[in-house]
Amino acid sequence: MSFAISLALATLGLVLAAAPARAEAPPIRNGFTLEPSSIAIDEILAGGPPRDGIPALDEPAHVTAEAAPWRDDEYVVGVTAGDRSRAYPLAILVWHELVNDRLGELPLLVSYCPLCGSAIVFDRRVAGQTRRFGVSGLLYRSDLLMFDRETESLWSQIGARAVTGPALATRLTLLRSSMMRWGRWRRLHPETTVLAPRTGHSRPYGRSPYGGYEESTELLFPAPLDRRYHPKTRTLGLRAPDGTTRAYPSVELLRAGGSADERFAGRDVSVRFDSEAGEFETRAPGELEVIESYWFAWAAFHPETSVFVAPPRGGSGGGEEAP
C-alpha cells in the first residue's frame, strides 16, 4: 500500500472517530412519539388495531327514551349535566371505546375500555380548549391510551392524565357518571336521551367481540396482578384530590350485606352493590373521583390502595381502615 493511500485511510479514521455519534431516534408506535414519557415506554404496547382502527364517535345521533331500541337489561353509562341526561349503551361503546359529545353546553368524552371494564366520562376542555379524542391502538397496563387530535399527546384513561406529548402530565377532569341497566336509568331520568345505533359504522351492536373475557382469569395484555380477588371482580374505586385511594370490591360489599358506609379521606361516603342488577350506587362528595373497573385494573394503577374488607360476623366496620 502506498504512503498516500495509508495517509488517506488514517485521516479518514481520525475524521470518523471525531464525528459526533448520531442520536437515536425516539421510539414511535402507531405513529406516536413516545419520548418524553411519564410511564415506562416498554409498558406501552400495541393492542392490535392501528391508530383510529377502533373509530371514536364524534357527536353522534341520539334519540329519546321512548324511541330507543335498547332492552331494559342493557348496560349503559349515564351522565347528567344540569337538567340534561344522556345514556351511552355498552353495546356501542365496546366497538368504539370513545365518544366525543356535547350535553347542552358541556363538551364531554365518554370512554370505555373493554379490557379493564372501566367506563369514565371526562370534560373535554383542557386549558380552555376543547379537545377531540381518538383511540390510539396502544395500551398501558391493559388500559386504553387515548390521544387528542390537537397535540397528539397520549392520555391514560384510568390515570386521567397525558403520559406523552405536549400535554404531558396534564390531567383531565372526571365527570360523575353511572353504569347501570337502561331500564333503571330510564326510570330515574325519564327525559333522558340515549345514543342511537345509527352511528355511521357497520358493527354487530349487541354482540361483544371479547367473548368470555369478563369471566376468564386471563388477561389479554400484561399488567401487574394483585391476586387477592378474581382479576375481573367488579370494583368501585374512590380517588381523593391528594391521590389517596380506596377500593370496594363487589364481593366484599356482598359479604357485608351489600353496602359500606364509612369515612374516606375525611369525607362521608356510601357505596352499595346490587348483585341482582350488577350495579354500584355511590354517594360521595363531588371532589372525589369515582371509577368503576375490574379489580386487576384498579390495583394495577393504584397498588397502594386501601381496600374495604367485610367485617367478620358480629363485627362492625371494614376489615381495613379507610385513610
Protein backbone atom coordinates (compact mmCIF):
# COMPACT_ATOMS: atom_id res chain seq x y z
CA MET A 1 0.00 0.00 0.00
CA SER A 2 1.40 3.39 -0.96
CA PHE A 3 2.21 6.04 1.64
CA ALA A 4 -0.51 8.35 0.14
CA ILE A 5 -3.22 5.73 0.49
CA SER A 6 -2.14 4.89 4.04
CA LEU A 7 -2.21 8.56 4.97
CA ALA A 8 -5.69 8.98 3.44
CA LEU A 9 -7.07 5.99 5.36
CA ALA A 10 -5.56 7.19 8.61
CA THR A 11 -7.02 10.66 8.08
CA LEU A 12 -10.46 9.18 7.32
CA GLY A 13 -10.25 7.13 10.53
CA LEU A 14 -9.49 10.25 12.56
CA VAL A 15 -12.42 12.11 10.97
CA LEU A 16 -14.85 9.26 11.67
CA ALA A 17 -13.62 8.94 15.25
CA ALA A 18 -14.09 12.66 15.81
CA ALA A 19 -17.59 12.76 14.25
CA PRO A 20 -20.39 13.00 16.83
CA ALA A 21 -22.47 9.86 17.29
CA ARG A 22 -25.85 10.09 15.56
CA ALA A 23 -28.61 10.50 18.13
CA GLU A 24 -31.02 7.60 18.25
CA ALA A 25 -34.49 8.44 17.01
CA PRO A 26 -37.15 8.44 19.73
CA PRO A 27 -39.34 5.32 19.79
CA ILE A 28 -42.51 5.56 17.73
CA ARG A 29 -45.53 3.24 17.94
CA ASN A 30 -48.70 3.54 15.90
CA GLY A 31 -47.33 6.87 14.70
CA PHE A 32 -46.94 8.36 18.19
CA THR A 33 -43.62 9.60 19.53
CA LEU A 34 -43.20 8.02 22.98
CA GLU A 35 -40.48 10.28 24.43
CA PRO A 36 -40.58 12.02 26.75
CA SER A 37 -42.99 9.86 28.73
CA SER A 38 -44.17 9.75 32.34
CA ILE A 39 -44.64 5.97 32.17
CA ALA A 40 -42.30 3.12 31.25
CA ILE A 41 -42.09 3.05 27.46
CA ASP A 42 -41.67 -0.73 27.41
CA GLU A 43 -45.12 -0.96 29.04
CA ILE A 44 -46.75 0.94 26.15
CA LEU A 45 -47.95 -1.92 23.97
CA ALA A 46 -49.66 -2.14 20.61
CA GLY A 47 -53.10 -3.66 21.12
CA GLY A 48 -53.50 -4.82 17.50
CA PRO A 49 -55.61 -2.17 15.74
CA PRO A 50 -53.72 0.82 14.31
CA ARG A 51 -54.42 4.42 15.27
CA ASP A 52 -58.15 5.02 14.68
CA GLY A 53 -58.57 1.32 13.82
CA ILE A 54 -61.22 1.46 16.54
CA PRO A 55 -63.17 4.53 15.38
CA ALA A 56 -64.22 7.02 18.04
CA LEU A 57 -67.64 8.61 17.57
CA ASP A 58 -67.91 12.38 17.14
CA GLU A 59 -71.17 14.00 18.28
CA PRO A 60 -73.30 11.03 17.13
CA ALA A 61 -77.09 10.89 16.84
CA HIS A 62 -79.29 10.49 19.91
CA VAL A 63 -82.93 9.52 20.38
CA THR A 64 -85.47 9.97 23.14
CA ALA A 65 -86.11 7.25 25.70
CA GLU A 66 -89.42 6.45 24.04
CA ALA A 67 -87.76 5.92 20.64
CA ALA A 68 -84.80 3.92 21.96
CA PRO A 69 -84.45 0.33 20.71
CA TRP A 70 -82.43 -0.86 23.73
CA ARG A 71 -83.60 -3.62 26.06
CA ASP A 72 -84.16 -2.75 29.71
CA ASP A 73 -81.34 -5.07 30.79
CA GLU A 74 -78.76 -3.41 28.51
CA TYR A 75 -75.96 -1.73 30.46
CA VAL A 76 -75.44 1.96 29.80
CA VAL A 77 -73.11 4.68 31.01
CA GLY A 78 -75.32 7.53 32.16
CA VAL A 79 -74.30 11.14 32.75
CA THR A 80 -76.22 14.24 33.82
CA ALA A 81 -75.31 17.91 33.30
CA GLY A 82 -77.73 20.49 34.63
CA ASP A 83 -81.22 19.41 33.60
CA ARG A 84 -80.00 17.15 30.77
CA SER A 85 -79.24 13.43 30.94
CA ARG A 86 -77.88 11.02 28.37
CA ALA A 87 -77.11 7.30 28.25
CA TYR A 88 -74.43 5.51 26.23
CA PRO A 89 -75.06 1.75 25.76
CA LEU A 90 -72.08 -0.53 26.27
CA ALA A 91 -73.33 -2.39 23.19
CA ILE A 92 -72.00 0.56 21.18
CA LEU A 93 -69.11 1.61 23.41
CA VAL A 94 -67.48 -1.84 23.25
CA TRP A 95 -66.96 -1.27 19.48
CA HIS A 96 -65.90 2.40 19.61
CA GLU A 97 -64.46 3.00 23.12
CA LEU A 98 -64.67 6.81 22.84
CA VAL A 99 -67.49 9.25 22.17
CA ASN A 100 -66.77 12.95 21.72
CA ASP A 101 -70.09 14.57 22.52
CA ARG A 102 -71.89 17.60 23.95
CA LEU A 103 -74.53 17.59 26.63
CA GLY A 104 -76.02 21.05 26.50
CA GLU A 105 -73.01 23.36 26.51
CA LEU A 106 -70.73 20.78 28.14
CA PRO A 107 -68.18 19.09 25.83
CA LEU A 108 -67.69 15.61 27.21
CA LEU A 109 -65.72 12.49 26.42
CA VAL A 110 -67.32 9.15 27.21
CA SER A 111 -64.68 6.43 27.42
CA TYR A 112 -64.94 2.68 27.87
CA CYS A 113 -62.08 0.18 27.97
CA PRO A 114 -63.46 -3.37 27.48
CA LEU A 115 -60.18 -4.88 28.69
CA CYS A 116 -60.43 -3.13 32.07
CA GLY A 117 -64.21 -2.86 32.37
CA SER A 118 -63.69 0.85 33.04
CA ALA A 119 -66.25 3.46 31.95
CA ILE A 120 -65.16 7.05 32.66
CA VAL A 121 -66.63 10.35 31.47
CA PHE A 122 -64.39 13.42 31.14
CA ASP A 123 -64.73 17.11 30.44
CA ARG A 124 -63.05 17.60 27.03
CA ARG A 125 -61.81 21.07 27.88
CA VAL A 126 -58.07 21.32 28.56
CA ALA A 127 -56.61 24.71 29.46
CA GLY A 128 -59.67 26.40 27.98
CA GLN A 129 -59.50 24.50 24.68
CA THR A 130 -61.96 21.77 23.70
CA ARG A 131 -60.09 18.67 22.58
CA ARG A 132 -61.24 15.85 20.32
CA PHE A 133 -60.00 12.39 21.22
CA GLY A 134 -59.29 9.22 19.28
CA VAL A 135 -58.29 5.62 20.02
CA SER A 136 -54.52 5.24 19.68
CA GLY A 137 -54.47 1.44 19.41
CA LEU A 138 -51.94 1.47 22.27
CA LEU A 139 -52.35 0.15 25.80
CA TYR A 140 -50.74 0.77 29.16
CA ARG A 141 -51.28 -1.91 31.81
CA SER A 142 -54.03 -3.33 29.58
CA ASP A 143 -55.87 0.01 29.65
CA LEU A 144 -56.85 2.25 26.77
CA LEU A 145 -54.47 5.02 25.75
CA MET A 146 -56.39 7.84 24.10
CA PHE A 147 -54.91 10.68 22.06
CA ASP A 148 -56.08 14.20 21.40
CA ARG A 149 -56.03 15.30 17.79
CA GLU A 150 -54.86 18.82 18.59
CA THR A 151 -51.47 17.87 20.12
CA GLU A 152 -51.27 14.07 19.50
CA SER A 153 -50.49 13.55 23.18
CA LEU A 154 -51.32 10.13 24.61
CA TRP A 155 -53.66 10.06 27.63
CA SER A 156 -54.19 7.28 30.16
CA GLN A 157 -57.89 6.56 30.65
CA ILE A 158 -57.76 5.30 34.26
CA GLY A 159 -54.85 7.61 35.12
CA ALA A 160 -56.83 10.55 33.63
CA ARG A 161 -53.66 12.33 32.50
CA ALA A 162 -51.43 12.81 29.50
CA VAL A 163 -48.43 10.47 29.54
CA THR A 164 -46.62 11.70 26.38
CA GLY A 165 -46.60 14.70 24.07
CA PRO A 166 -47.04 18.44 24.55
CA ALA A 167 -49.81 17.88 27.14
CA LEU A 168 -47.54 15.65 29.27
CA ALA A 169 -48.72 15.45 32.93
CA THR A 170 -51.88 17.48 32.26
CA ARG A 171 -54.95 15.98 33.96
CA LEU A 172 -58.46 15.58 32.64
CA THR A 173 -61.47 16.46 34.81
CA LEU A 174 -63.71 13.48 35.57
CA LEU A 175 -67.47 13.92 35.43
CA ARG A 176 -69.66 11.82 37.70
CA SER A 177 -71.36 9.02 35.78
CA SER A 178 -73.15 5.75 36.49
CA MET A 179 -73.04 2.33 34.89
CA MET A 180 -76.45 0.69 35.21
CA ARG A 181 -79.21 -1.07 33.32
CA TRP A 182 -81.02 1.00 30.71
CA GLY A 183 -84.41 0.29 32.30
CA ARG A 184 -83.34 1.73 35.65
CA TRP A 185 -81.61 4.74 34.09
CA ARG A 186 -84.75 5.49 32.07
CA ARG A 187 -86.95 5.30 35.17
CA LEU A 188 -84.62 7.62 37.10
CA HIS A 189 -84.27 10.02 34.14
CA PRO A 190 -87.46 9.81 32.03
CA GLU A 191 -86.39 12.82 29.93
CA THR A 192 -83.04 11.25 29.03
CA THR A 193 -81.71 10.91 25.53
CA VAL A 194 -79.69 7.88 24.51
CA LEU A 195 -77.09 7.10 21.88
CA ALA A 196 -78.75 5.81 18.70
CA PRO A 197 -77.45 2.68 16.91
CA ARG A 198 -77.18 4.57 13.60
CA THR A 199 -73.55 5.56 14.15
CA GLY A 200 -72.46 5.57 10.51
CA HIS A 201 -70.42 2.41 11.13
CA SER A 202 -71.36 -1.18 10.38
CA ARG A 203 -70.90 -3.13 13.61
CA PRO A 204 -72.89 -6.01 15.17
CA TYR A 205 -74.05 -3.92 18.13
CA GLY A 206 -75.32 -6.19 20.87
CA ARG A 207 -72.57 -8.79 20.34
CA SER A 208 -69.26 -8.38 22.16
CA PRO A 209 -66.03 -9.11 20.27
CA TYR A 210 -64.42 -10.18 23.57
CA GLY A 211 -66.37 -13.42 24.13
CA GLY A 212 -65.98 -14.78 27.66
CA TYR A 213 -63.20 -12.38 28.65
CA GLU A 214 -65.18 -10.96 31.59
CA GLU A 215 -65.41 -14.36 33.30
CA SER A 216 -61.87 -15.52 32.48
CA THR A 217 -58.98 -15.15 34.91
CA GLU A 218 -56.68 -14.48 31.94
CA LEU A 219 -55.60 -11.05 30.71
CA LEU A 220 -55.07 -10.40 27.02
CA PHE A 221 -52.22 -7.97 27.78
CA PRO A 222 -49.82 -7.86 30.73
CA ALA A 223 -50.48 -5.80 33.83
CA PRO A 224 -49.33 -6.05 37.45
CA LEU A 225 -51.65 -8.60 39.06
CA ASP A 226 -52.93 -8.43 42.65
CA ARG A 227 -54.28 -11.92 43.28
CA ARG A 228 -56.46 -11.19 46.32
CA TYR A 229 -59.56 -11.35 44.10
CA HIS A 230 -60.59 -12.71 40.72
CA PRO A 231 -58.97 -10.27 38.25
CA LYS A 232 -62.35 -9.31 36.74
CA THR A 233 -64.13 -8.71 40.06
CA ARG A 234 -66.29 -5.62 39.65
CA THR A 235 -64.75 -2.91 41.81
CA LEU A 236 -65.72 0.64 42.73
CA GLY A 237 -62.73 2.91 43.34
CA LEU A 238 -62.59 6.31 45.04
CA ARG A 239 -59.73 8.74 44.41
CA ALA A 240 -59.23 11.84 46.56
CA PRO A 241 -57.62 15.10 45.33
CA ASP A 242 -54.42 14.24 47.25
CA GLY A 243 -54.15 10.90 45.44
CA THR A 244 -55.41 8.74 48.31
CA THR A 245 -57.46 5.82 47.01
CA ARG A 246 -59.88 3.22 48.31
CA ALA A 247 -61.33 0.15 46.60
CA TYR A 248 -64.69 -1.53 47.19
CA PRO A 249 -64.66 -4.97 45.54
CA SER A 250 -68.21 -6.17 44.89
CA VAL A 251 -67.53 -9.46 46.67
CA GLU A 252 -66.58 -7.64 49.88
CA LEU A 253 -69.67 -5.44 49.70
CA LEU A 254 -71.85 -8.53 49.30
CA ARG A 255 -70.20 -10.18 52.31
CA ALA A 256 -71.01 -7.01 54.25
CA GLY A 257 -74.67 -7.20 53.29
CA GLY A 258 -74.37 -5.19 50.10
CA SER A 259 -73.17 -1.84 51.40
CA ALA A 260 -70.48 0.14 53.17
CA ASP A 261 -70.97 3.45 54.96
CA GLU A 262 -67.75 4.98 56.23
CA ARG A 263 -65.37 7.90 56.13
CA PHE A 264 -62.73 8.09 53.44
CA ALA A 265 -60.16 10.88 53.16
CA GLY A 266 -62.08 12.84 55.81
CA ARG A 267 -65.39 12.57 53.94
CA ASP A 268 -68.57 10.54 54.47
CA VAL A 269 -69.13 8.02 51.68
CA SER A 270 -71.66 5.31 50.97
CA VAL A 271 -71.11 2.51 48.45
CA ARG A 272 -73.66 -0.16 47.59
CA PHE A 273 -73.68 -3.09 45.19
CA ASP A 274 -76.85 -4.73 43.90
CA SER A 275 -75.89 -8.27 42.94
CA GLU A 276 -79.12 -8.93 41.06
CA ALA A 277 -78.78 -5.87 38.84
CA GLY A 278 -74.98 -5.89 38.87
CA GLU A 279 -74.91 -2.17 39.72
CA PHE A 280 -72.97 0.05 42.10
CA GLU A 281 -74.54 3.05 43.78
CA THR A 282 -72.28 5.67 45.31
CA ARG A 283 -72.91 8.73 47.44
CA ALA A 284 -69.76 10.78 47.84
CA PRO A 285 -68.76 14.47 47.71
CA GLY A 286 -68.15 15.81 44.22
CA GLU A 287 -64.43 16.33 44.76
CA LEU A 288 -63.91 12.55 44.99
CA GLU A 289 -63.36 10.75 41.69
CA VAL A 290 -65.47 7.62 41.28
CA ILE A 291 -64.19 4.92 38.92
CA GLU A 292 -65.72 1.52 38.25
CA SER A 293 -63.46 -1.14 36.75
CA TYR A 294 -62.23 -4.69 37.09
CA TRP A 295 -60.21 -5.35 40.24
CA PHE A 296 -56.95 -6.03 38.39
CA ALA A 297 -57.12 -2.67 36.61
CA TRP A 298 -57.79 -0.63 39.75
CA ALA A 299 -54.98 -2.39 41.63
CA ALA A 300 -52.54 -2.08 38.70
CA PHE A 301 -52.96 1.70 38.65
CA HIS A 302 -53.28 2.10 42.44
CA PRO A 303 -51.01 -0.53 44.05
CA GLU A 304 -51.06 1.36 47.39
CA THR A 305 -54.87 1.49 47.54
CA SER A 306 -56.66 0.67 50.75
CA VAL A 307 -59.42 -1.92 50.36
CA PHE A 308 -62.77 -2.23 52.06
CA VAL A 309 -62.94 -5.70 53.63
CA ALA A 310 -66.19 -7.00 55.07
CA PRO A 311 -66.05 -7.29 58.87
CA PRO A 312 -66.27 -10.74 60.45
CA ARG A 313 -69.72 -11.85 61.50
CA GLY A 314 -70.78 -9.93 64.58
CA GLY A 315 -68.16 -7.24 63.95
CA SER A 316 -68.56 -3.71 62.68
CA GLY A 317 -66.66 -1.59 60.19
CA GLY A 318 -64.40 -2.62 57.34
CA GLY A 319 -61.53 -5.01 57.94
CA GLU A 320 -59.05 -2.48 56.53
CA GLU A 321 -59.34 1.04 57.82
CA ALA A 322 -60.14 3.84 55.39
CA PRO A 323 -57.41 6.51 55.40
